Structure formats: structure tokens, C-alpha cells
């Protein structure tokens, strides 16, 4: 399986939305590519931040990113640009 850092299957992998065969193929691609591993880690961090924000909203808190979270998101987005 050939993947690039913008492939939506990476997000599906992180969110556990792939079937067993697809998941195994993505895992094999990740073993071969440090670039893809970095992108998956960025997706995981973003998903965690969004999950935390959603939980805060459900609890009645306003959504606000800390300076570190904002910087991390900007850096992650910038690193995924060609």
C-alpha cells in the first residue's frame, strides 16, 4: 500500500475506522515511513485535543486552546503542507 501524509486512511487508522486488512496495510506502511509515523502522531495529538475540547464543552466550559495547544496545532498543520 502506498500512502502519502495527506491520505485520509491515516486518520481512519488513528480513529480505528479501518477493517483488519486495511489496518494491517497501514501499519506496514508506517513501519517503512518515518514521515507517515510523524503524521500519524500529529493526527493523534489533534484528535486528543478535539476530544478534550468536546468533553469540556459537554461539561459546560468554553472551548479555548492554550498557547501551547495553539502552537502545536499550527506547527502540525504547517508540517503537513507540501
Protein backbone atom coordinates (compact mmCIF):
# COMPACT_ATOMS: atom_id res chain seq x y z
CA UNK A 1 0.00 0.00 0.00
CA UNK A 2 1.36 3.39 -0.96
CA UNK A 3 0.35 6.25 1.31
CA UNK A 4 1.28 9.90 1.44
CA UNK A 5 0.93 12.13 4.53
CA UNK A 6 -2.39 13.55 3.24
CA UNK A 7 -4.07 10.16 2.79
CA UNK A 8 -7.36 10.02 4.72
CA UNK A 9 -6.64 6.40 5.65
CA UNK A 10 -4.14 7.72 8.20
CA UNK A 11 -6.93 9.49 10.06
CA UNK A 12 -9.14 6.42 9.73
CA UNK A 13 -6.26 4.37 11.18
CA UNK A 14 -5.95 6.67 14.19
CA UNK A 15 -9.71 6.65 14.75
CA UNK A 16 -9.85 2.83 14.40
CA UNK A 17 -12.20 3.05 11.42
CA UNK A 18 -10.40 0.56 9.15
CA UNK A 19 -11.11 -3.13 8.76
CA UNK A 20 -8.42 -5.57 9.86
CA UNK A 21 -6.81 -5.89 6.41
CA UNK A 22 -6.66 -2.12 5.83
CA UNK A 23 -5.34 -1.56 9.35
CA UNK A 24 -2.57 -4.12 8.80
CA UNK A 25 -1.63 -2.50 5.48
CA UNK A 26 -1.41 0.96 7.06
CA UNK A 27 0.63 -0.45 9.96
CA UNK A 28 3.06 -1.98 7.47
CA UNK A 29 3.36 1.35 5.64
CA UNK A 30 4.04 3.11 8.95
CA UNK A 31 6.92 0.72 9.70
CA UNK A 32 8.55 1.75 6.42
CA UNK A 33 7.99 5.50 6.63
CA UNK A 34 9.16 7.88 9.37
CA UNK A 35 7.23 10.66 7.60
CA UNK A 36 3.96 8.75 7.91
CA UNK A 37 4.68 7.96 11.57
CA UNK A 38 5.13 11.68 12.29
CA UNK A 39 1.86 12.44 10.51
CA UNK A 40 0.00 9.76 12.48
CA UNK A 41 1.37 11.22 15.71
CA UNK A 42 0.17 14.68 14.62
CA UNK A 43 -3.28 13.25 13.87
CA UNK A 44 -3.35 11.54 17.29
CA UNK A 45 -2.47 14.79 19.07
CA UNK A 46 -5.10 16.72 17.13
CA UNK A 47 -7.74 14.07 17.84
CA UNK A 48 -6.89 14.17 21.55
CA UNK A 49 -7.16 17.97 21.63
CA UNK A 50 -10.53 17.85 19.86
CA UNK A 51 -11.76 15.14 22.20
CA UNK A 52 -10.69 17.17 25.23
CA UNK A 53 -12.38 20.26 23.81
CA UNK A 54 -15.58 18.34 23.16
CA UNK A 55 -15.54 16.96 26.71
CA UNK A 56 -15.05 20.46 28.11
CA UNK A 57 -17.93 21.78 26.03
CA UNK A 58 -20.17 18.95 27.21
CA UNK A 59 -19.27 19.86 30.77
CA UNK A 60 -20.29 23.46 30.14
CA UNK A 61 -16.86 25.00 29.69
CA UNK A 62 -16.00 27.31 26.84
CA UNK A 63 -13.61 25.97 24.22
CA UNK A 64 -10.25 27.68 24.37
CA UNK A 65 -6.85 26.48 23.31
CA UNK A 66 -3.87 27.17 25.46
CA UNK A 67 -0.94 28.91 23.86
CA UNK A 68 0.92 25.58 23.70
CA UNK A 69 -2.06 23.81 22.10
CA UNK A 70 -2.47 26.60 19.55
CA UNK A 71 1.23 26.43 18.68
CA UNK A 72 1.11 22.63 18.40
CA UNK A 73 -1.85 22.77 16.02
CA UNK A 74 -0.24 25.46 13.87
CA UNK A 75 3.04 23.53 13.76
CA UNK A 76 1.25 20.29 12.87
CA UNK A 77 -0.67 21.99 10.09
CA UNK A 78 2.44 23.69 8.74
CA UNK A 79 4.43 20.45 8.76
CA UNK A 80 1.82 18.74 6.61
CA UNK A 81 2.00 21.38 3.85
CA UNK A 82 3.97 20.47 0.74
